[in-house]
Amino acid sequence: MNKGELIEAVQKNLGKDTSKAAAEAAVNAVFDTITKNVKKAPVQIIGFGTFAKVKRAARNGINPKTKEPIKIKASTSVKFKPGAKLKAAV
């Protein structure tokens, strides 16, 4: 499912009175809120899961094309841990 399909599903779930623009605004609002807040602290949606910021340490790797060793810089990423209801549904 891509973002467009998600917007259509949200529109159907909210009912015929909801426009596609309103459904898109709702989806974008949720994504924006998660994006802004995960920088500060984990975002936990009970039953769905938790988005958390994680720091990755610098490490050594191997260039798969040339097989030469390379240094990979430290970085920050986001980890998602599914909740119990999501695990049960899958």
Protein backbone atom coordinates (compact mmCIF):
# COMPACT_ATOMS: atom_id res chain seq x y z
CA MET A 1 0.00 0.00 0.00
CA ASN A 2 1.35 3.42 -0.91
CA LYS A 3 0.37 6.83 0.46
CA GLY A 4 -2.32 7.39 -2.19
CA GLU A 5 -3.95 4.06 -1.40
CA LEU A 6 -3.78 4.86 2.32
CA ILE A 7 -5.55 8.17 1.72
CA GLU A 8 -8.30 6.41 -0.23
CA ALA A 9 -8.70 3.81 2.54
CA VAL A 10 -8.96 6.54 5.18
CA GLN A 11 -11.55 8.35 3.06
CA LYS A 12 -13.66 5.18 2.76
CA ASN A 13 -13.29 4.46 6.47
CA LEU A 14 -14.46 7.98 7.42
CA GLY A 15 -17.52 7.78 5.18
CA LYS A 16 -18.90 9.32 2.02
CA ASP A 17 -19.14 12.80 3.56
CA THR A 18 -15.35 13.02 3.79
CA SER A 19 -13.52 14.47 0.80
CA LYS A 20 -10.27 13.11 -0.53
CA ALA A 21 -8.59 16.40 0.42
CA ALA A 22 -9.76 16.05 4.02
CA ALA A 23 -8.53 12.45 4.18
CA GLU A 24 -5.16 13.52 2.74
CA ALA A 25 -4.93 16.35 5.30
CA ALA A 26 -5.64 13.87 8.11
CA VAL A 27 -2.98 11.40 6.91
CA ASN A 28 -0.43 14.19 6.45
CA ALA A 29 -1.22 15.58 9.92
CA VAL A 30 -0.54 12.19 11.52
CA PHE A 31 2.74 11.75 9.61
CA ASP A 32 3.88 15.30 10.40
CA THR A 33 3.06 14.94 14.08
CA ILE A 34 4.97 11.66 14.38
CA THR A 35 7.94 13.13 12.47
CA LYS A 36 8.15 16.25 14.66
CA ASN A 37 7.71 14.46 17.98
CA VAL A 38 9.93 11.41 17.44
CA LYS A 39 12.93 13.79 17.52
CA LYS A 40 12.13 14.62 21.16
CA ALA A 41 10.82 11.34 22.59
CA PRO A 42 9.38 8.01 21.46
CA VAL A 43 5.90 8.20 19.93
CA GLN A 44 3.76 5.36 21.29
CA ILE A 45 0.42 4.50 19.73
CA ILE A 46 -1.17 1.92 22.00
CA GLY A 47 -2.03 -1.25 20.10
CA PHE A 48 -0.21 -0.12 16.94
CA GLY A 49 3.41 0.42 17.91
CA THR A 50 6.19 2.74 18.95
CA PHE A 51 8.41 4.98 16.84
CA ALA A 52 11.74 5.76 18.52
CA LYS A 53 14.90 7.62 17.57
CA VAL A 54 18.03 5.46 17.66
CA LYS A 55 21.68 6.39 17.34
CA ARG A 56 23.93 4.20 15.24
CA ALA A 57 27.61 4.20 16.11
CA ALA A 58 30.32 4.65 13.52
CA ARG A 59 31.51 1.33 12.14
CA ASN A 60 33.58 -0.32 9.46
CA GLY A 61 31.93 -1.81 6.41
CA ILE A 62 32.83 -3.28 3.03
CA ASN A 63 32.05 -1.75 -0.34
CA PRO A 64 30.13 -4.59 -2.04
CA LYS A 65 31.33 -3.57 -5.49
CA THR A 66 35.07 -3.20 -4.84
CA LYS A 67 35.31 -5.28 -1.63
CA GLU A 68 37.38 -2.48 -0.08
CA PRO A 69 36.88 -1.57 3.58
CA ILE A 70 35.08 1.72 4.21
CA LYS A 71 34.21 3.76 7.28
CA ILE A 72 30.50 4.34 7.89
CA LYS A 73 29.74 7.52 9.84
CA ALA A 74 27.59 7.58 12.97
CA SER A 75 23.96 8.42 12.23
CA THR A 76 20.52 8.82 13.73
CA SER A 77 17.58 6.80 12.46
CA VAL A 78 14.05 5.79 13.47
CA LYS A 79 13.07 2.35 14.75
CA PHE A 80 9.51 1.00 14.77
CA LYS A 81 8.44 -1.64 17.27
CA PRO A 82 4.99 -3.09 16.50
CA GLY A 83 2.40 -3.28 19.28
CA ALA A 84 0.53 -6.37 20.44
CA LYS A 85 -2.63 -5.74 18.39
CA LEU A 86 -0.63 -5.18 15.21
CA LYS A 87 1.39 -8.36 15.81
CA ALA A 88 -1.80 -10.34 16.39
CA ALA A 89 -3.40 -8.97 13.22
CA VAL A 90 -0.47 -10.07 11.08
